[in-house]
PDB file of N, CA and C in Angstrom:
ATOM      1  N   UNK A   1     -66.637  12.899 -96.611  1.00  0.00           N
ATOM      2  CA  UNK A   1     -66.324  14.068 -95.810  1.00  0.00           C
ATOM      3  C   UNK A   1     -65.511  15.035 -96.653  1.00  0.00           C
ATOM      4  N   UNK A   2     -65.963  16.238 -96.710  1.00  0.00           N
ATOM      5  CA  UNK A   2     -65.231  17.206 -97.508  1.00  0.00           C
ATOM      6  C   UNK A   2     -64.187  17.952 -96.693  1.00  0.00           C
ATOM      7  N   UNK A   3     -64.454  18.139 -95.418  1.00  0.00           N
ATOM      8  CA  UNK A   3     -63.527  18.846 -94.533  1.00  0.00           C
ATOM      9  C   UNK A   3     -63.113  17.871 -93.438  1.00  0.00           C
ATOM     10  N   UNK A   4     -61.832  17.692 -93.240  1.00  0.00           N
ATOM     11  CA  UNK A   4     -61.360  16.698 -92.273  1.00  0.00           C
ATOM     12  C   UNK A   4     -61.095  17.301 -90.909  1.00  0.00           C
ATOM     13  N   UNK A   5     -61.522  18.526 -90.660  1.00  0.00           N
ATOM     14  CA  UNK A   5     -61.224  19.228 -89.421  1.00  0.00           C
ATOM     15  C   UNK A   5     -61.515  18.465 -88.145  1.00  0.00           C
ATOM     16  N   UNK A   6     -62.652  17.769 -88.063  1.00  0.00           N
ATOM     17  CA  UNK A   6     -62.932  17.071 -86.816  1.00  0.00           C
ATOM     18  C   UNK A   6     -62.162  15.762 -86.698  1.00  0.00           C
ATOM     19  N   UNK A   7     -61.469  15.367 -87.740  1.00  0.00           N
ATOM     20  CA  UNK A   7     -60.713  14.110 -87.722  1.00  0.00           C
ATOM     21  C   UNK A   7     -59.207  14.335 -87.630  1.00  0.00           C
ATOM     22  N   UNK A   8     -58.800  15.563 -87.357  1.00  0.00           N
ATOM     23  CA  UNK A   8     -57.372  15.878 -87.257  1.00  0.00           C
ATOM     24  C   UNK A   8     -57.068  16.464 -85.883  1.00  0.00           C
ATOM     25  N   UNK A   9     -55.969  16.012 -85.292  1.00  0.00           N
ATOM     26  CA  UNK A   9     -55.508  16.572 -84.024  1.00  0.00           C
ATOM     27  C   UNK A   9     -54.995  17.988 -84.249  1.00  0.00           C
ATOM     28  N   UNK A  10     -55.118  18.823 -83.242  1.00  0.00           N
ATOM     29  CA  UNK A  10     -54.512  20.148 -83.289  1.00  0.00           C
ATOM     30  C   UNK A  10     -52.992  19.968 -83.348  1.00  0.00           C
ATOM     31  N   UNK A  11     -52.308  20.965 -83.852  1.00  0.00           N
ATOM     32  CA  UNK A  11     -50.848  20.883 -83.936  1.00  0.00           C
ATOM     33  C   UNK A  11     -50.249  20.824 -82.532  1.00  0.00           C
ATOM     34  N   UNK A  12     -49.187  20.070 -82.398  1.00  0.00           N
ATOM     35  CA  UNK A  12     -48.486  20.012 -81.119  1.00  0.00           C
ATOM     36  C   UNK A  12     -48.164  18.590 -80.694  1.00  0.00           C
ATOM     37  N   UNK A  13     -47.078  18.446 -80.004  1.00  0.00           N
ATOM     38  CA  UNK A  13     -46.592  17.140 -79.574  1.00  0.00           C
ATOM     39  C   UNK A  13     -47.486  16.467 -78.538  1.00  0.00           C
ATOM     40  N   UNK A  14     -48.278  17.265 -77.792  1.00  0.00           N
ATOM     41  CA  UNK A  14     -49.118  16.679 -76.746  1.00  0.00           C
ATOM     42  C   UNK A  14     -50.178  15.728 -77.306  1.00  0.00           C
ATOM     43  N   UNK A  15     -50.402  15.786 -78.621  1.00  0.00           N
ATOM     44  CA  UNK A  15     -51.413  14.939 -79.240  1.00  0.00           C
ATOM     45  C   UNK A  15     -50.844  13.628 -79.761  1.00  0.00           C
ATOM     46  N   UNK A  16     -49.636  13.275 -79.417  1.00  0.00           N
ATOM     47  CA  UNK A  16     -49.098  11.988 -79.842  1.00  0.00           C
ATOM     48  C   UNK A  16     -50.037  10.903 -79.302  1.00  0.00           C
ATOM     49  N   UNK A  17     -50.828  10.260 -80.170  1.00  0.00           N
ATOM     50  CA  UNK A  17     -51.856   9.326 -79.713  1.00  0.00           C
ATOM     51  C   UNK A  17     -51.348   8.218 -78.798  1.00  0.00           C
ATOM     52  N   UNK A  18     -50.130   7.734 -79.037  1.00  0.00           N
ATOM     53  CA  UNK A  18     -49.620   6.656 -78.190  1.00  0.00           C
ATOM     54  C   UNK A  18     -49.492   7.115 -76.739  1.00  0.00           C
ATOM     55  N   UNK A  19     -49.373   8.407 -76.520  1.00  0.00           N
ATOM     56  CA  UNK A  19     -49.298   8.939 -75.154  1.00  0.00           C
ATOM     57  C   UNK A  19     -50.669   9.109 -74.517  1.00  0.00           C
ATOM     58  N   UNK A  20     -51.707   9.233 -75.313  1.00  0.00           N
ATOM     59  CA  UNK A  20     -53.040   9.494 -74.782  1.00  0.00           C
ATOM     60  C   UNK A  20     -53.706   8.260 -74.181  1.00  0.00           C
ATOM     61  N   UNK A  21     -53.299   7.070 -74.599  1.00  0.00           N
ATOM     62  CA  UNK A  21     -53.908   5.846 -74.065  1.00  0.00           C
ATOM     63  C   UNK A  21     -53.721   5.818 -72.547  1.00  0.00           C
ATOM     64  N   UNK A  22     -54.833   5.630 -71.847  1.00  0.00           N
ATOM     65  CA  UNK A  22     -54.824   5.629 -70.390  1.00  0.00           C
ATOM     66  C   UNK A  22     -55.191   6.967 -69.766  1.00  0.00           C
ATOM     67  N   UNK A  23     -55.205   8.035 -70.553  1.00  0.00           N
ATOM     68  CA  UNK A  23     -55.581   9.347 -70.027  1.00  0.00           C
ATOM     69  C   UNK A  23     -57.073   9.363 -69.671  1.00  0.00           C
ATOM     70  N   UNK A  24     -57.425  10.135 -68.670  1.00  0.00           N
ATOM     71  CA  UNK A  24     -58.823  10.365 -68.321  1.00  0.00           C
ATOM     72  C   UNK A  24     -59.390  11.359 -69.326  1.00  0.00           C
ATOM     73  N   UNK A  25     -60.654  11.185 -69.705  1.00  0.00           N
ATOM     74  CA  UNK A  25     -61.302  12.063 -70.675  1.00  0.00           C
ATOM     75  C   UNK A  25     -62.345  12.910 -69.955  1.00  0.00           C
ATOM     76  N   UNK A  26     -62.215  14.226 -70.115  1.00  0.00           N
ATOM     77  CA  UNK A  26     -63.108  15.183 -69.475  1.00  0.00           C
ATOM     78  C   UNK A  26     -63.924  15.917 -70.530  1.00  0.00           C
ATOM     79  N   UNK A  27     -65.249  15.793 -70.446  1.00  0.00           N
ATOM     80  CA  UNK A  27     -66.147  16.600 -71.262  1.00  0.00           C
ATOM     81  C   UNK A  27     -66.244  17.975 -70.607  1.00  0.00           C
ATOM     82  N   UNK A  28     -67.002  18.876 -71.193  1.00  0.00           N
ATOM     83  CA  UNK A  28     -67.129  20.210 -70.616  1.00  0.00           C
ATOM     84  C   UNK A  28     -67.841  20.188 -69.265  1.00  0.00           C
ATOM     85  N   UNK A  29     -68.556  19.089 -68.975  1.00  0.00           N
ATOM     86  CA  UNK A  29     -69.320  19.013 -67.727  1.00  0.00           C
ATOM     87  C   UNK A  29     -69.005  17.785 -66.878  1.00  0.00           C
ATOM     88  N   UNK A  30     -67.847  17.180 -67.084  1.00  0.00           N
ATOM     89  CA  UNK A  30     -67.463  16.073 -66.217  1.00  0.00           C
ATOM     90  C   UNK A  30     -66.722  14.955 -66.924  1.00  0.00           C
ATOM     91  N   UNK A  31     -66.369  13.942 -66.149  1.00  0.00           N
ATOM     92  CA  UNK A  31     -65.565  12.827 -66.638  1.00  0.00           C
ATOM     93  C   UNK A  31     -66.395  11.877 -67.496  1.00  0.00           C
ATOM     94  N   UNK A  32     -65.795  11.434 -68.604  1.00  0.00           N
ATOM     95  CA  UNK A  32     -66.440  10.497 -69.520  1.00  0.00           C
ATOM     96  C   UNK A  32     -65.878   9.093 -69.329  1.00  0.00           C
ATOM     97  N   UNK A  33     -64.581   8.962 -69.196  1.00  0.00           N
ATOM     98  CA  UNK A  33     -63.930   7.661 -69.067  1.00  0.00           C
ATOM     99  C   UNK A  33     -62.447   7.794 -69.308  1.00  0.00           C
ATOM    100  N   UNK A  34     -61.820   6.731 -69.833  1.00  0.00           N
ATOM    101  CA  UNK A  34     -60.391   6.765 -70.134  1.00  0.00           C
ATOM    102  C   UNK A  34     -60.146   6.363 -71.581  1.00  0.00           C
ATOM    103  N   UNK A  35     -59.060   6.897 -72.138  1.00  0.00           N
ATOM    104  CA  UNK A  35     -58.705   6.577 -73.522  1.00  0.00           C
ATOM    105  C   UNK A  35     -58.237   5.129 -73.579  1.00  0.00           C
ATOM    106  N   UNK A  36     -58.924   4.345 -74.409  1.00  0.00           N
ATOM    107  CA  UNK A  36     -58.622   2.930 -74.586  1.00  0.00           C
ATOM    108  C   UNK A  36     -57.772   2.703 -75.834  1.00  0.00           C
ATOM    109  N   UNK A  37     -57.967   3.561 -76.820  1.00  0.00           N
ATOM    110  CA  UNK A  37     -57.274   3.439 -78.114  1.00  0.00           C
ATOM    111  C   UNK A  37     -57.208   4.820 -78.734  1.00  0.00           C
ATOM    112  N   UNK A  38     -56.176   5.075 -79.519  1.00  0.00           N
ATOM    113  CA  UNK A  38     -56.055   6.352 -80.219  1.00  0.00           C
ATOM    114  C   UNK A  38     -55.442   6.109 -81.589  1.00  0.00           C
ATOM    115  N   UNK A  39     -55.984   6.784 -82.585  1.00  0.00           N
ATOM    116  CA  UNK A  39     -55.475   6.674 -83.947  1.00  0.00           C
ATOM    117  C   UNK A  39     -54.836   7.981 -84.356  1.00  0.00           C
ATOM    118  N   UNK A  40     -53.740   7.862 -85.082  1.00  0.00           N
ATOM    119  CA  UNK A  40     -53.081   9.060 -85.602  1.00  0.00           C
ATOM    120  C   UNK A  40     -53.065   9.083 -87.119  1.00  0.00           C
ATOM    121  N   UNK A  41     -53.915   8.275 -87.751  1.00  0.00           N
ATOM    122  CA  UNK A  41     -53.966   8.269 -89.208  1.00  0.00           C
ATOM    123  C   UNK A  41     -54.278   9.671 -89.721  1.00  0.00           C
ATOM    124  N   UNK A  42     -53.627  10.073 -90.785  1.00  0.00           N
ATOM    125  CA  UNK A  42     -53.822  11.408 -91.343  1.00  0.00           C
ATOM    126  C   UNK A  42     -55.284  11.625 -91.691  1.00  0.00           C
ATOM    127  N   UNK A  43     -55.842  12.731 -91.223  1.00  0.00           N
ATOM    128  CA  UNK A  43     -57.227  13.119 -91.460  1.00  0.00           C
ATOM    129  C   UNK A  43     -58.233  12.066 -91.000  1.00  0.00           C
ATOM    130  N   UNK A  44     -57.832  11.197 -90.087  1.00  0.00           N
ATOM    131  CA  UNK A  44     -58.714  10.168 -89.555  1.00  0.00           C
ATOM    132  C   UNK A  44     -58.329   9.855 -88.109  1.00  0.00           C
ATOM    133  N   UNK A  45     -57.979  10.896 -87.356  1.00  0.00           N
ATOM    134  CA  UNK A  45     -57.585  10.708 -85.972  1.00  0.00           C
ATOM    135  C   UNK A  45     -58.797  10.634 -85.055  1.00  0.00           C
ATOM    136  N   UNK A  46     -58.686   9.827 -84.028  1.00  0.00           N
ATOM    137  CA  UNK A  46     -59.783   9.678 -83.072  1.00  0.00           C
ATOM    138  C   UNK A  46     -59.255   9.034 -81.797  1.00  0.00           C
ATOM    139  N   UNK A  47     -60.091   9.076 -80.758  1.00  0.00           N
ATOM    140  CA  UNK A  47     -59.835   8.281 -79.567  1.00  0.00           C
ATOM    141  C   UNK A  47     -61.067   7.417 -79.311  1.00  0.00           C
ATOM    142  N   UNK A  48     -60.833   6.228 -78.801  1.00  0.00           N
ATOM    143  CA  UNK A  48     -61.911   5.368 -78.325  1.00  0.00           C
ATOM    144  C   UNK A  48     -61.848   5.443 -76.813  1.00  0.00           C
ATOM    145  N   UNK A  49     -62.971   5.790 -76.202  1.00  0.00           N
ATOM    146  CA  UNK A  49     -63.034   6.005 -74.765  1.00  0.00           C
ATOM    147  C   UNK A  49     -63.781   4.857 -74.096  1.00  0.00           C
ATOM    148  N   UNK A  50     -63.158   4.271 -73.086  1.00  0.00           N
ATOM    149  CA  UNK A  50     -63.816   3.264 -72.267  1.00  0.00           C
ATOM    150  C   UNK A  50     -64.666   4.019 -71.254  1.00  0.00           C
ATOM    151  N   UNK A  51     -65.977   3.975 -71.459  1.00  0.00           N
ATOM    152  CA  UNK A  51     -66.909   4.731 -70.627  1.00  0.00           C
ATOM    153  C   UNK A  51     -67.858   3.793 -69.880  1.00  0.00           C
ATOM    154  N   UNK A  52     -67.398   2.601 -69.555  1.00  0.00           N
ATOM    155  CA  UNK A  52     -68.271   1.600 -68.926  1.00  0.00           C
ATOM    156  C   UNK A  52     -68.928   2.069 -67.648  1.00  0.00           C
ATOM    157  N   UNK A  53     -68.266   2.881 -66.875  1.00  0.00           N
ATOM    158  CA  UNK A  53     -68.865   3.355 -65.625  1.00  0.00           C
ATOM    159  C   UNK A  53     -69.993   4.336 -65.881  1.00  0.00           C
ATOM    160  N   UNK A  54     -70.053   4.859 -67.071  1.00  0.00           N
ATOM    161  CA  UNK A  54     -70.973   5.937 -67.353  1.00  0.00           C
ATOM    162  C   UNK A  54     -72.004   5.590 -68.427  1.00  0.00           C
ATOM    163  N   UNK A  55     -71.639   4.793 -69.427  1.00  0.00           N
ATOM    164  CA  UNK A  55     -72.529   4.458 -70.534  1.00  0.00           C
ATOM    165  C   UNK A  55     -72.681   2.946 -70.627  1.00  0.00           C
ATOM    166  N   UNK A  56     -73.930   2.480 -70.693  1.00  0.00           N
ATOM    167  CA  UNK A  56     -74.165   1.064 -70.947  1.00  0.00           C
ATOM    168  C   UNK A  56     -73.678   0.778 -72.360  1.00  0.00           C
ATOM    169  N   UNK A  57     -72.900  -0.248 -72.536  1.00  0.00           N
ATOM    170  CA  UNK A  57     -72.315  -0.540 -73.832  1.00  0.00           C
ATOM    171  C   UNK A  57     -70.833  -0.283 -73.832  1.00  0.00           C
ATOM    172  N   UNK A  58     -70.409   0.644 -73.021  1.00  0.00           N
ATOM    173  CA  UNK A  58     -69.013   0.753 -72.689  1.00  0.00           C
ATOM    174  C   UNK A  58     -68.083   1.674 -73.424  1.00  0.00           C
ATOM    175  N   UNK A  59     -68.215   1.870 -74.724  1.00  0.00           N
ATOM    176  CA  UNK A  59     -67.205   2.669 -75.430  1.00  0.00           C
ATOM    177  C   UNK A  59     -67.856   3.692 -76.340  1.00  0.00           C
ATOM    178  N   UNK A  60     -67.102   4.766 -76.569  1.00  0.00           N
ATOM    179  CA  UNK A  60     -67.513   5.801 -77.513  1.00  0.00           C
ATOM    180  C   UNK A  60     -66.291   6.211 -78.329  1.00  0.00           C
ATOM    181  N   UNK A  61     -66.532   6.659 -79.536  1.00  0.00           N
ATOM    182  CA  UNK A  61     -65.459   7.158 -80.396  1.00  0.00           C
ATOM    183  C   UNK A  61     -65.613   8.667 -80.492  1.00  0.00           C
ATOM    184  N   UNK A  62     -64.521   9.377 -80.274  1.00  0.00           N
ATOM    185  CA  UNK A  62     -64.528  10.839 -80.341  1.00  0.00           C
ATOM    186  C   UNK A  62     -63.491  11.270 -81.374  1.00  0.00           C
ATOM    187  N   UNK A  63     -63.922  12.018 -82.406  1.00  0.00           N
ATOM    188  CA  UNK A  63     -62.972  12.511 -83.405  1.00  0.00           C
ATOM    189  C   UNK A  63     -61.900  13.405 -82.777  1.00  0.00           C
ATOM    190  N   UNK A  64     -60.693  13.309 -83.278  1.00  0.00           N
ATOM    191  CA  UNK A  64     -59.541  14.031 -82.731  1.00  0.00           C
ATOM    192  C   UNK A  64     -59.734  15.543 -82.695  1.00  0.00           C
ATOM    193  N   UNK A  65     -60.443  16.095 -83.646  1.00  0.00           N
ATOM    194  CA  UNK A  65     -60.634  17.541 -83.703  1.00  0.00           C
ATOM    195  C   UNK A  65     -61.487  18.112 -82.585  1.00  0.00           C
ATOM    196  N   UNK A  66     -62.156  17.241 -81.830  1.00  0.00           N
ATOM    197  CA  UNK A  66     -62.968  17.705 -80.702  1.00  0.00           C
ATOM    198  C   UNK A  66     -62.164  17.796 -79.414  1.00  0.00           C
ATOM    199  N   UNK A  67     -60.921  17.315 -79.460  1.00  0.00           N
ATOM    200  CA  UNK A  67     -60.059  17.382 -78.283  1.00  0.00           C
ATOM    201  C   UNK A  67     -59.464  18.782 -78.201  1.00  0.00           C
ATOM    202  N   UNK A  68     -59.607  19.414 -77.044  1.00  0.00           N
ATOM    203  CA  UNK A  68     -59.158  20.796 -76.919  1.00  0.00           C
ATOM    204  C   UNK A  68     -57.834  20.947 -76.203  1.00  0.00           C
ATOM    205  N   UNK A  69     -57.527  20.013 -75.294  1.00  0.00           N
ATOM    206  CA  UNK A  69     -56.312  20.169 -74.502  1.00  0.00           C
ATOM    207  C   UNK A  69     -55.922  18.830 -73.908  1.00  0.00           C
ATOM    208  N   UNK A  70     -54.626  18.584 -73.855  1.00  0.00           N
ATOM    209  CA  UNK A  70     -54.087  17.408 -73.178  1.00  0.00           C
ATOM    210  C   UNK A  70     -53.204  17.893 -72.038  1.00  0.00           C
ATOM    211  N   UNK A  71     -53.381  17.301 -70.872  1.00  0.00           N
ATOM    212  CA  UNK A  71     -52.608  17.661 -69.692  1.00  0.00           C
ATOM    213  C   UNK A  71     -51.777  16.444 -69.302  1.00  0.00           C
ATOM    214  N   UNK A  72     -50.487  16.477 -69.641  1.00  0.00           N
ATOM    215  CA  UNK A  72     -49.632  15.322 -69.376  1.00  0.00           C
ATOM    216  C   UNK A  72     -49.313  15.158 -67.894  1.00  0.00           C
ATOM    217  N   UNK A  73     -49.406  16.219 -67.115  1.00  0.00           N
ATOM    218  CA  UNK A  73     -49.155  16.126 -65.679  1.00  0.00           C
ATOM    219  C   UNK A  73     -50.276  15.343 -64.992  1.00  0.00           C
ATOM    220  N   UNK A  74     -51.524  15.681 -65.341  1.00  0.00           N
ATOM    221  CA  UNK A  74     -52.678  15.017 -64.728  1.00  0.00           C
ATOM    222  C   UNK A  74     -53.222  13.878 -65.588  1.00  0.00           C
ATOM    223  N   UNK A  75     -52.552  13.610 -66.721  1.00  0.00           N
ATOM    224  CA  UNK A  75     -52.951  12.543 -67.643  1.00  0.00           C
ATOM    225  C   UNK A  75     -54.440  12.635 -67.985  1.00  0.00           C
ATOM    226  N   UNK A  76     -54.800  13.824 -68.472  1.00  0.00           N
ATOM    227  CA  UNK A  76     -56.188  14.124 -68.801  1.00  0.00           C
ATOM    228  C   UNK A  76     -56.252  14.765 -70.182  1.00  0.00           C
ATOM    229  N   UNK A  77     -57.285  14.399 -70.939  1.00  0.00           N
ATOM    230  CA  UNK A  77     -57.558  15.043 -72.219  1.00  0.00           C
ATOM    231  C   UNK A  77     -58.960  15.641 -72.131  1.00  0.00           C
ATOM    232  N   UNK A  78     -59.100  16.865 -72.653  1.00  0.00           N
ATOM    233  CA  UNK A  78     -60.368  17.584 -72.571  1.00  0.00           C
ATOM    234  C   UNK A  78     -61.047  17.602 -73.942  1.00  0.00           C
ATOM    235  N   UNK A  79     -62.378  17.450 -73.914  1.00  0.00           N
ATOM    236  CA  UNK A  79     -63.190  17.357 -75.127  1.00  0.00           C
ATOM    237  C   UNK A  79     -64.170  18.520 -75.165  1.00  0.00           C
ATOM    238  N   UNK A  80     -64.350  19.078 -76.330  1.00  0.00           N
ATOM    239  CA  UNK A  80     -65.223  20.230 -76.538  1.00  0.00           C
ATOM    240  C   UNK A  80     -66.680  19.805 -76.746  1.00  0.00           C
ATOM    241  N   UNK A  81     -67.184  18.960 -75.895  1.00  0.00           N
ATOM    242  CA  UNK A  81     -68.576  18.508 -75.949  1.00  0.00           C
ATOM    243  C   UNK A  81     -69.026  18.159 -74.532  1.00  0.00           C
ATOM    244  N   UNK A  82     -70.350  18.175 -74.324  1.00  0.00           N
ATOM    245  CA  UNK A  82     -70.894  17.768 -73.033  1.00  0.00           C
ATOM    246  C   UNK A  82     -70.991  16.248 -72.971  1.00  0.00           C
ATOM    247  N   UNK A  83     -71.188  15.739 -71.769  1.00  0.00           N
ATOM    248  CA  UNK A  83     -71.369  14.301 -71.595  1.00  0.00           C
ATOM    249  C   UNK A  83     -72.598  13.823 -72.371  1.00  0.00           C
ATOM    250  N   UNK A  84     -73.673  14.599 -72.358  1.00  0.00           N
ATOM    251  CA  UNK A  84     -74.890  14.211 -73.082  1.00  0.00           C
ATOM    252  C   UNK A  84     -74.638  14.152 -74.588  1.00  0.00           C
ATOM    253  N   UNK A  85     -73.893  15.103 -75.124  1.00  0.00           N
ATOM    254  CA  UNK A  85     -73.587  15.079 -76.558  1.00  0.00           C
ATOM    255  C   UNK A  85     -72.778  13.840 -76.923  1.00  0.00           C
ATOM    256  N   UNK A  86     -71.846  13.475 -76.076  1.00  0.00           N
ATOM    257  CA  UNK A  86     -71.029  12.286 -76.334  1.00  0.00           C
ATOM    258  C   UNK A  86     -71.878  11.025 -76.203  1.00  0.00           C
ATOM    259  N   UNK A  87     -72.690  10.967 -75.160  1.00  0.00           N
ATOM    260  CA  UNK A  87     -73.548   9.796 -74.926  1.00  0.00           C
ATOM    261  C   UNK A  87     -74.529   9.589 -76.076  1.00  0.00           C
ATOM    262  N   UNK A  88     -75.051  10.665 -76.651  1.00  0.00           N
ATOM    263  CA  UNK A  88     -76.074  10.574 -77.693  1.00  0.00           C
ATOM    264  C   UNK A  88     -75.516  10.400 -79.103  1.00  0.00           C
ATOM    265  N   UNK A  89     -74.210  10.319 -79.241  1.00  0.00           N
ATOM    266  CA  UNK A  89     -73.583  10.102 -80.556  1.00  0.00           C
ATOM    267  C   UNK A  89     -73.961   8.717 -81.081  1.00  0.00           C
ATOM    268  N   UNK A  90     -73.812   8.490 -82.375  1.00  0.00           N
ATOM    269  CA  UNK A  90     -74.082   7.161 -82.912  1.00  0.00           C
ATOM    270  C   UNK A  90     -73.337   6.081 -82.119  1.00  0.00           C
ATOM    271  N   UNK A  91     -74.034   4.971 -81.867  1.00  0.00           N
ATOM    272  CA  UNK A  91     -73.487   3.887 -81.046  1.00  0.00           C
ATOM    273  C   UNK A  91     -72.175   3.340 -81.587  1.00  0.00           C
ATOM    274  N   UNK A  92     -71.270   3.068 -80.665  1.00  0.00           N
ATOM    275  CA  UNK A  92     -69.982   2.466 -80.990  1.00  0.00           C
ATOM    276  C   UNK A  92     -70.183   0.957 -81.127  1.00  0.00           C
ATOM    277  N   UNK A  93     -69.661   0.386 -82.200  1.00  0.00           N
ATOM    278  CA  UNK A  93     -69.697  -1.062 -82.413  1.00  0.00           C
ATOM    279  C   UNK A  93     -68.273  -1.490 -82.749  1.00  0.00           C
ATOM    280  N   UNK A  94     -67.664  -2.343 -81.911  1.00  0.00           N
ATOM    281  CA  UNK A  94     -66.276  -2.729 -82.162  1.00  0.00           C
ATOM    282  C   UNK A  94     -66.063  -3.431 -83.504  1.00  0.00           C
ATOM    283  N   UNK A  95     -67.121  -3.973 -84.083  1.00  0.00           N
ATOM    284  CA  UNK A  95     -66.990  -4.657 -85.370  1.00  0.00           C
ATOM    285  C   UNK A  95     -67.051  -3.696 -86.551  1.00  0.00           C
ATOM    286  N   UNK A  96     -67.628  -2.523 -86.364  1.00  0.00           N
ATOM    287  CA  UNK A  96     -67.835  -1.630 -87.514  1.00  0.00           C
ATOM    288  C   UNK A  96     -67.328  -0.203 -87.312  1.00  0.00           C
ATOM    289  N   UNK A  97     -66.652   0.081 -86.199  1.00  0.00           N
ATOM    290  CA  UNK A  97     -66.304   1.476 -85.930  1.00  0.00           C
ATOM    291  C   UNK A  97     -65.297   2.062 -86.913  1.00  0.00           C
ATOM    292  N   UNK A  98     -64.646   1.249 -87.709  1.00  0.00           N
ATOM    293  CA  UNK A  98     -63.715   1.791 -88.702  1.00  0.00           C
ATOM    294  C   UNK A  98     -64.331   1.875 -90.097  1.00  0.00           C
ATOM    295  N   UNK A  99     -65.603   1.504 -90.217  1.00  0.00           N
ATOM    296  CA  UNK A  99     -66.286   1.579 -91.508  1.00  0.00           C
ATOM    297  C   UNK A  99     -66.587   3.034 -91.874  1.00  0.00           C
ATOM    298  N   UNK A 100     -66.470   3.375 -93.158  1.00  0.00           N
ATOM    299  CA  UNK A 100     -66.756   4.744 -93.593  1.00  0.00           C
ATOM    300  C   UNK A 100     -68.175   5.212 -93.257  1.00  0.00           C
ATOM    301  N   UNK A 101     -69.158   4.331 -93.294  1.00  0.00           N
ATOM    302  CA  UNK A 101     -70.539   4.732 -93.000  1.00  0.00           C
ATOM    303  C   UNK A 101     -70.674   5.211 -91.551  1.00  0.00           C
ATOM    304  N   UNK A 102     -70.010   4.534 -90.641  1.00  0.00           N
ATOM    305  CA  UNK A 102     -70.053   4.946 -89.234  1.00  0.00           C
ATOM    306  C   UNK A 102     -69.355   6.296 -89.064  1.00  0.00           C
ATOM    307  N   UNK A 103     -68.222   6.464 -89.723  1.00  0.00           N
ATOM    308  CA  UNK A 103     -67.494   7.734 -89.636  1.00  0.00           C
ATOM    309  C   UNK A 103     -68.342   8.874 -90.198  1.00  0.00           C
ATOM    310  N   UNK A 104     -69.049   8.612 -91.288  1.00  0.00           N
ATOM    311  CA  UNK A 104     -69.932   9.636 -91.869  1.00  0.00           C
ATOM    312  C   UNK A 104     -71.044  10.011 -90.888  1.00  0.00           C
ATOM    313  N   UNK A 105     -71.611   9.011 -90.207  1.00  0.00           N
ATOM    314  CA  UNK A 105     -72.659   9.276 -89.231  1.00  0.00           C
ATOM    315  C   UNK A 105     -72.125  10.125 -88.073  1.00  0.00           C
ATOM    316  N   UNK A 106     -70.924   9.805 -87.587  1.00  0.00           N
ATOM    317  CA  UNK A 106     -70.303  10.608 -86.525  1.00  0.00           C
ATOM    318  C   UNK A 106     -70.018  12.023 -87.019  1.00  0.00           C
ATOM    319  N   UNK A 107     -69.513  12.118 -88.228  1.00  0.00           N
ATOM    320  CA  UNK A 107     -69.215  13.419 -88.817  1.00  0.00           C
ATOM    321  C   UNK A 107     -70.462  14.285 -88.862  1.00  0.00           C
ATOM    322  N   UNK A 108     -71.565  13.743 -89.367  1.00  0.00           N
ATOM    323  CA  UNK A 108     -72.817  14.487 -89.437  1.00  0.00           C
ATOM    324  C   UNK A 108     -73.305  14.877 -88.034  1.00  0.00           C
ATOM    325  N   UNK A 109     -73.218  13.937 -87.098  1.00  0.00           N
ATOM    326  CA  UNK A 109     -73.699  14.195 -85.749  1.00  0.00           C
ATOM    327  C   UNK A 109     -72.898  15.332 -85.079  1.00  0.00           C
ATOM    328  N   UNK A 110     -71.595  15.212 -85.077  1.00  0.00           N
ATOM    329  CA  UNK A 110     -70.791  16.200 -84.359  1.00  0.00           C
ATOM    330  C   UNK A 110     -70.729  17.552 -85.058  1.00  0.00           C
ATOM    331  N   UNK A 111     -70.923  17.587 -86.349  1.00  0.00           N
ATOM    332  CA  UNK A 111     -70.943  18.878 -87.046  1.00  0.00           C
ATOM    333  C   UNK A 111     -72.308  19.547 -86.896  1.00  0.00           C
ATOM    334  N   UNK A 112     -73.341  18.721 -86.559  1.00  0.00           N
ATOM    335  CA  UNK A 112     -74.687  19.230 -86.281  1.00  0.00           C
ATOM    336  C   UNK A 112     -75.271  19.989 -87.415  1.00  0.00           C
TER     337      UNK A 112
END
């Protein structure tokens, strides 16, 4: 990856990943699930969303740069993608989601 933009949180305290766990995740067209895990590694930030009610397989990984807003009052984080775009992303695998090849595939997919 030459540009880490989609893997970095926007500036601001509301993006403290430890606070995002448990937040509801809203795509541009509806609810996706809840934040199950969040990483704050430099240039490698992401959230893992538990989407079992919505996606067979249960989880999706969303790069931090796609998050547009966090609402601490309503415990909601908003994502700059539709539910279909999130659903059609490369499959999440708990055994390999931290591998560079998977991250490259997500990077290519979300940058389109």
